[in-house]
Amino acid sequence: MTDAPDIHRSEPAARYTESAGRYVVIYVCLLILAALQFVIAYSNVSTFGMFARMLLIAIAEAGLALLFFMHLWAEKRGFLLFVVIFTGFVLLAMQYGWTDSNRMDTGAPYSQPNAGVVSQ
């Protein structure tokens, strides 16, 4: 792979020999995407439309940041696929607890004392 970092057996850490120009271009792209989010935030769009557009732009920004600033573009494609699937699984697993979020207001079910019962 021509984009892979230079790895030598004597040095375990990868050396990235690319110029800073690529990173400046990616940074400018991230700034443009952030400006686009600002424009969308102040446009007259329905709530669902705004949510969908903001989410797509946020995914694009996160993808650029992960691929270039965290050097995932230089990794093997299998590892990149693993990171994407594992991250998706973790995000979905984190959503499992939202169904039980009403306990913060009401407490655990049947935890309220019954009327007429003296608690000790």
N, C-alpha and C. Protein backbone atom coordinates (compact mmCIF):
# COMPACT_ATOMS: atom_id res chain seq x y z
N MET A 1 0.86 -1.17 0.00
CA MET A 1 0.00 0.00 0.00
C MET A 1 0.90 1.24 0.00
N THR A 2 0.63 2.16 -0.87
CA THR A 2 1.49 3.33 -0.98
C THR A 2 1.21 4.35 0.10
N ASP A 3 0.01 4.34 0.68
CA ASP A 3 -0.31 5.32 1.71
C ASP A 3 0.08 4.87 3.11
N ALA A 4 0.56 3.64 3.23
CA ALA A 4 0.89 3.12 4.55
C ALA A 4 2.11 3.83 5.11
N PRO A 5 2.19 3.97 6.42
CA PRO A 5 3.36 4.60 7.03
C PRO A 5 4.59 3.72 6.89
N ASP A 6 5.75 4.33 6.98
CA ASP A 6 7.00 3.58 6.92
C ASP A 6 7.23 2.90 8.25
N ILE A 7 7.28 1.58 8.24
CA ILE A 7 7.49 0.81 9.46
C ILE A 7 8.78 0.02 9.32
N HIS A 8 9.66 0.16 10.29
CA HIS A 8 10.93 -0.56 10.29
C HIS A 8 10.97 -1.45 11.51
N ARG A 9 11.64 -2.59 11.37
CA ARG A 9 11.72 -3.53 12.50
C ARG A 9 12.48 -2.93 13.68
N SER A 10 13.42 -2.05 13.42
CA SER A 10 14.19 -1.47 14.52
C SER A 10 13.40 -0.41 15.28
N GLU A 11 12.39 0.15 14.63
CA GLU A 11 11.54 1.14 15.28
C GLU A 11 10.11 0.64 15.30
N PRO A 12 9.59 0.33 16.48
CA PRO A 12 8.22 -0.21 16.52
C PRO A 12 7.15 0.83 16.18
N ALA A 13 7.44 2.10 16.36
CA ALA A 13 6.45 3.13 16.07
C ALA A 13 6.50 3.47 14.58
N ALA A 14 5.34 3.69 14.01
CA ALA A 14 5.26 4.04 12.60
C ALA A 14 5.65 5.51 12.41
N ARG A 15 6.35 5.77 11.32
CA ARG A 15 6.71 7.14 10.99
C ARG A 15 5.86 7.58 9.81
N TYR A 16 5.18 8.68 9.95
CA TYR A 16 4.33 9.19 8.89
C TYR A 16 5.14 10.24 8.13
N THR A 17 5.44 9.95 6.89
CA THR A 17 6.36 10.78 6.12
C THR A 17 5.65 11.74 5.18
N GLU A 18 4.38 11.93 5.37
CA GLU A 18 3.64 12.80 4.46
C GLU A 18 3.80 14.25 4.86
N SER A 19 3.55 15.10 3.88
CA SER A 19 3.66 16.53 4.14
C SER A 19 2.44 17.01 4.92
N ALA A 20 2.56 18.19 5.46
CA ALA A 20 1.47 18.76 6.24
C ALA A 20 0.34 19.26 5.34
N GLY A 21 0.57 19.33 4.05
CA GLY A 21 -0.44 19.83 3.12
C GLY A 21 -1.72 19.04 3.15
N ARG A 22 -1.62 17.70 3.23
CA ARG A 22 -2.82 16.86 3.29
C ARG A 22 -3.64 17.18 4.54
N TYR A 23 -2.95 17.38 5.65
CA TYR A 23 -3.66 17.64 6.90
C TYR A 23 -4.29 19.03 6.91
N VAL A 24 -3.66 19.97 6.25
CA VAL A 24 -4.25 21.31 6.14
C VAL A 24 -5.52 21.25 5.31
N VAL A 25 -5.49 20.48 4.23
CA VAL A 25 -6.69 20.33 3.39
C VAL A 25 -7.81 19.68 4.17
N ILE A 26 -7.51 18.65 4.93
CA ILE A 26 -8.54 17.99 5.75
C ILE A 26 -9.06 18.95 6.80
N TYR A 27 -8.20 19.73 7.40
CA TYR A 27 -8.63 20.72 8.40
C TYR A 27 -9.56 21.76 7.78
N VAL A 28 -9.23 22.22 6.59
CA VAL A 28 -10.10 23.18 5.90
C VAL A 28 -11.44 22.55 5.57
N CYS A 29 -11.44 21.28 5.17
CA CYS A 29 -12.71 20.57 4.92
C CYS A 29 -13.54 20.49 6.19
N LEU A 30 -12.91 20.22 7.32
CA LEU A 30 -13.64 20.18 8.58
C LEU A 30 -14.22 21.54 8.94
N LEU A 31 -13.47 22.61 8.66
CA LEU A 31 -13.98 23.95 8.90
C LEU A 31 -15.18 24.26 8.01
N ILE A 32 -15.12 23.83 6.76
CA ILE A 32 -16.24 24.04 5.85
C ILE A 32 -17.47 23.27 6.31
N LEU A 33 -17.27 22.03 6.76
CA LEU A 33 -18.40 21.26 7.27
C LEU A 33 -19.00 21.90 8.53
N ALA A 34 -18.15 22.45 9.40
CA ALA A 34 -18.65 23.14 10.59
C ALA A 34 -19.43 24.39 10.20
N ALA A 35 -18.96 25.12 9.20
CA ALA A 35 -19.69 26.30 8.73
C ALA A 35 -21.03 25.89 8.12
N LEU A 36 -21.05 24.76 7.42
CA LEU A 36 -22.30 24.26 6.85
C LEU A 36 -23.30 23.90 7.95
N GLN A 37 -22.81 23.34 9.04
CA GLN A 37 -23.71 23.06 10.17
C GLN A 37 -24.27 24.36 10.74
N PHE A 38 -23.47 25.38 10.81
CA PHE A 38 -23.94 26.68 11.30
C PHE A 38 -25.04 27.22 10.40
N VAL A 39 -24.85 27.11 9.10
CA VAL A 39 -25.86 27.59 8.15
C VAL A 39 -27.15 26.78 8.29
N ILE A 40 -27.04 25.48 8.42
CA ILE A 40 -28.22 24.64 8.58
C ILE A 40 -28.95 24.97 9.87
N ALA A 41 -28.20 25.26 10.94
CA ALA A 41 -28.83 25.55 12.23
C ALA A 41 -29.70 26.80 12.17
N TYR A 42 -29.34 27.75 11.34
CA TYR A 42 -30.12 28.98 11.25
C TYR A 42 -31.02 29.03 10.03
N SER A 43 -31.22 27.91 9.37
CA SER A 43 -32.14 27.88 8.23
C SER A 43 -33.52 27.44 8.71
N ASN A 44 -34.50 27.72 7.89
CA ASN A 44 -35.88 27.39 8.23
C ASN A 44 -36.19 25.99 7.69
N VAL A 45 -35.84 24.98 8.47
CA VAL A 45 -36.01 23.59 8.07
C VAL A 45 -36.79 22.88 9.17
N SER A 46 -37.54 21.85 8.80
CA SER A 46 -38.28 21.08 9.81
C SER A 46 -37.29 20.41 10.77
N THR A 47 -37.81 20.02 11.91
CA THR A 47 -36.96 19.42 12.94
C THR A 47 -36.30 18.14 12.44
N PHE A 48 -37.10 17.28 11.81
CA PHE A 48 -36.53 16.02 11.32
C PHE A 48 -35.51 16.28 10.22
N GLY A 49 -35.79 17.21 9.32
CA GLY A 49 -34.86 17.53 8.25
C GLY A 49 -33.56 18.08 8.80
N MET A 50 -33.66 18.95 9.80
CA MET A 50 -32.45 19.52 10.40
C MET A 50 -31.65 18.43 11.11
N PHE A 51 -32.33 17.55 11.84
CA PHE A 51 -31.65 16.47 12.54
C PHE A 51 -30.91 15.57 11.55
N ALA A 52 -31.57 15.21 10.46
CA ALA A 52 -30.96 14.31 9.48
C ALA A 52 -29.74 14.97 8.84
N ARG A 53 -29.85 16.23 8.47
CA ARG A 53 -28.72 16.92 7.84
C ARG A 53 -27.56 17.09 8.81
N MET A 54 -27.86 17.49 10.03
CA MET A 54 -26.80 17.66 11.03
C MET A 54 -26.11 16.33 11.34
N LEU A 55 -26.90 15.26 11.41
CA LEU A 55 -26.33 13.95 11.70
C LEU A 55 -25.41 13.49 10.58
N LEU A 56 -25.82 13.69 9.35
CA LEU A 56 -24.97 13.29 8.21
C LEU A 56 -23.67 14.09 8.18
N ILE A 57 -23.76 15.38 8.44
CA ILE A 57 -22.54 16.19 8.45
C ILE A 57 -21.64 15.81 9.62
N ALA A 58 -22.22 15.53 10.78
CA ALA A 58 -21.43 15.11 11.94
C ALA A 58 -20.73 13.78 11.68
N ILE A 59 -21.40 12.86 10.99
CA ILE A 59 -20.78 11.58 10.66
C ILE A 59 -19.62 11.80 9.69
N ALA A 60 -19.80 12.69 8.73
CA ALA A 60 -18.72 13.00 7.78
C ALA A 60 -17.53 13.63 8.51
N GLU A 61 -17.80 14.55 9.42
CA GLU A 61 -16.71 15.18 10.18
C GLU A 61 -15.96 14.16 11.03
N ALA A 62 -16.71 13.31 11.71
CA ALA A 62 -16.08 12.29 12.55
C ALA A 62 -15.27 11.32 11.70
N GLY A 63 -15.79 10.95 10.55
CA GLY A 63 -15.06 10.05 9.67
C GLY A 63 -13.75 10.65 9.19
N LEU A 64 -13.78 11.91 8.78
CA LEU A 64 -12.54 12.57 8.36
C LEU A 64 -11.53 12.64 9.49
N ALA A 65 -12.01 13.01 10.67
CA ALA A 65 -11.10 13.12 11.82
C ALA A 65 -10.49 11.77 12.17
N LEU A 66 -11.31 10.72 12.16
CA LEU A 66 -10.79 9.39 12.48
C LEU A 66 -9.81 8.89 11.42
N LEU A 67 -10.18 9.06 10.17
CA LEU A 67 -9.34 8.52 9.10
C LEU A 67 -8.00 9.22 8.99
N PHE A 68 -8.00 10.53 9.11
CA PHE A 68 -6.76 11.25 8.83
C PHE A 68 -6.00 11.67 10.08
N PHE A 69 -6.68 12.19 11.09
CA PHE A 69 -5.96 12.66 12.27
C PHE A 69 -5.61 11.52 13.22
N MET A 70 -6.34 10.42 13.15
CA MET A 70 -6.00 9.25 13.96
C MET A 70 -5.33 8.17 13.11
N HIS A 71 -5.04 8.48 11.86
CA HIS A 71 -4.28 7.63 10.94
C HIS A 71 -4.92 6.27 10.70
N LEU A 72 -6.25 6.18 10.75
CA LEU A 72 -6.89 4.91 10.45
C LEU A 72 -6.81 4.59 8.96
N TRP A 73 -6.59 5.58 8.11
CA TRP A 73 -6.46 5.33 6.68
C TRP A 73 -5.25 4.47 6.38
N ALA A 74 -4.25 4.47 7.26
CA ALA A 74 -3.03 3.72 7.03
C ALA A 74 -3.10 2.30 7.57
N GLU A 75 -4.17 1.98 8.27
CA GLU A 75 -4.31 0.65 8.84
C GLU A 75 -4.86 -0.32 7.80
N LYS A 76 -4.82 -1.59 8.13
CA LYS A 76 -5.39 -2.60 7.25
C LYS A 76 -6.91 -2.44 7.21
N ARG A 77 -7.50 -2.76 6.09
CA ARG A 77 -8.95 -2.58 5.92
C ARG A 77 -9.75 -3.44 6.90
N GLY A 78 -9.23 -4.60 7.25
CA GLY A 78 -9.92 -5.46 8.21
C GLY A 78 -10.02 -4.80 9.57
N PHE A 79 -8.95 -4.14 9.99
CA PHE A 79 -8.98 -3.44 11.28
C PHE A 79 -9.94 -2.26 11.22
N LEU A 80 -9.95 -1.54 10.11
CA LEU A 80 -10.87 -0.42 9.95
C LEU A 80 -12.31 -0.90 10.02
N LEU A 81 -12.62 -2.01 9.38
CA LEU A 81 -13.97 -2.58 9.43
C LEU A 81 -14.31 -2.99 10.86
N PHE A 82 -13.35 -3.58 11.57
CA PHE A 82 -13.59 -3.96 12.96
C PHE A 82 -13.91 -2.74 13.82
N VAL A 83 -13.16 -1.65 13.63
CA VAL A 83 -13.39 -0.44 14.42
C VAL A 83 -14.79 0.11 14.15
N VAL A 84 -15.21 0.12 12.90
CA VAL A 84 -16.53 0.65 12.55
C VAL A 84 -17.63 -0.22 13.16
N ILE A 85 -17.52 -1.53 13.03
CA ILE A 85 -18.55 -2.43 13.57
C ILE A 85 -18.57 -2.38 15.09
N PHE A 86 -17.40 -2.40 15.72
CA PHE A 86 -17.34 -2.37 17.18
C PHE A 86 -17.90 -1.06 17.73
N THR A 87 -17.57 0.06 17.09
CA THR A 87 -18.10 1.36 17.53
C THR A 87 -19.61 1.40 17.40
N GLY A 88 -20.13 0.89 16.29
CA GLY A 88 -21.58 0.83 16.12
C GLY A 88 -22.23 -0.03 17.18
N PHE A 89 -21.62 -1.17 17.50
CA PHE A 89 -22.17 -2.04 18.54
C PHE A 89 -22.17 -1.33 19.90
N VAL A 90 -21.09 -0.65 20.23
CA VAL A 90 -21.01 0.05 21.51
C VAL A 90 -22.07 1.15 21.59
N LEU A 91 -22.23 1.91 20.51
CA LEU A 91 -23.24 2.97 20.51
C LEU A 91 -24.65 2.41 20.65
N LEU A 92 -24.92 1.31 19.98
CA LEU A 92 -26.24 0.68 20.12
C LEU A 92 -26.43 0.11 21.53
N ALA A 93 -25.39 -0.48 22.10
CA ALA A 93 -25.48 -1.03 23.45
C ALA A 93 -25.70 0.07 24.49
N MET A 94 -25.13 1.25 24.25
CA MET A 94 -25.33 2.35 25.18
C MET A 94 -26.78 2.82 25.19
N GLN A 95 -27.48 2.61 24.11
CA GLN A 95 -28.87 3.05 24.01
C GLN A 95 -29.82 2.13 24.77
N TYR A 96 -29.36 0.98 25.20
CA TYR A 96 -30.20 0.01 25.89
C TYR A 96 -30.79 0.58 27.18
N GLY A 97 -30.04 1.41 27.88
CA GLY A 97 -30.48 1.94 29.17
C GLY A 97 -31.51 3.04 29.08
N TRP A 98 -31.73 3.63 27.90
CA TRP A 98 -32.69 4.73 27.80
C TRP A 98 -34.11 4.28 28.09
N THR A 99 -34.42 3.03 27.84
CA THR A 99 -35.79 2.57 28.09
C THR A 99 -36.12 2.58 29.57
N ASP A 100 -35.11 2.59 30.41
CA ASP A 100 -35.31 2.55 31.85
C ASP A 100 -35.01 3.91 32.49
N SER A 101 -34.94 4.96 31.69
CA SER A 101 -34.52 6.25 32.21
C SER A 101 -35.58 6.93 33.06
N ASN A 102 -36.83 6.45 33.01
CA ASN A 102 -37.86 7.07 33.85
C ASN A 102 -37.68 6.76 35.33
N ARG A 103 -36.82 5.83 35.67
CA ARG A 103 -36.59 5.52 37.09
C ARG A 103 -35.97 6.71 37.82
N MET A 104 -35.33 7.60 37.11
CA MET A 104 -34.74 8.77 37.75
C MET A 104 -35.84 9.65 38.35
N ASP A 105 -37.00 9.67 37.72
CA ASP A 105 -38.12 10.47 38.22
C ASP A 105 -39.01 9.70 39.18
N THR A 106 -39.32 8.46 38.85
CA THR A 106 -40.32 7.73 39.62
C THR A 106 -39.75 6.71 40.59
N GLY A 107 -38.47 6.38 40.47
CA GLY A 107 -37.89 5.35 41.33
C GLY A 107 -38.17 3.97 40.76
N ALA A 108 -37.68 2.96 41.44
CA ALA A 108 -37.89 1.59 40.98
C ALA A 108 -39.35 1.22 41.13
N PRO A 109 -39.88 0.38 40.24
CA PRO A 109 -41.28 -0.02 40.36
C PRO A 109 -41.55 -0.70 41.69
N TYR A 110 -42.69 -0.41 42.24
CA TYR A 110 -43.16 -1.00 43.51
C TYR A 110 -42.24 -0.68 44.68
N SER A 111 -41.46 0.37 44.60
CA SER A 111 -40.59 0.72 45.70
C SER A 111 -41.25 1.70 46.67
N GLN A 112 -42.40 2.25 46.27
CA GLN A 112 -43.12 3.17 47.15
C GLN A 112 -43.83 2.37 48.25
N PRO A 113 -43.80 2.89 49.46
CA PRO A 113 -44.48 2.16 50.55
C PRO A 113 -45.99 2.13 50.32
N ASN A 114 -46.58 1.03 50.69
CA ASN A 114 -48.03 0.89 50.56
C ASN A 114 -48.74 1.76 51.60
N ALA A 115 -49.91 2.23 51.26
CA ALA A 115 -50.68 3.07 52.20
C ALA A 115 -51.10 2.22 53.40
N GLY A 116 -50.95 2.76 54.57
CA GLY A 116 -51.35 2.07 55.79
C GLY A 116 -50.29 1.16 56.37
N VAL A 117 -49.19 0.98 55.69
CA VAL A 117 -48.13 0.11 56.19
C VAL A 117 -47.11 1.00 56.90
N VAL A 118 -46.76 0.62 58.10
CA VAL A 118 -45.77 1.37 58.85
C VAL A 118 -44.39 0.82 58.52
N SER A 119 -43.54 1.70 58.03
CA SER A 119 -42.19 1.25 57.71
C SER A 119 -41.30 1.43 58.92
N GLN A 120 -40.38 0.53 59.12
CA GLN A 120 -39.54 0.54 60.31
C GLN A 120 -38.14 0.96 60.01
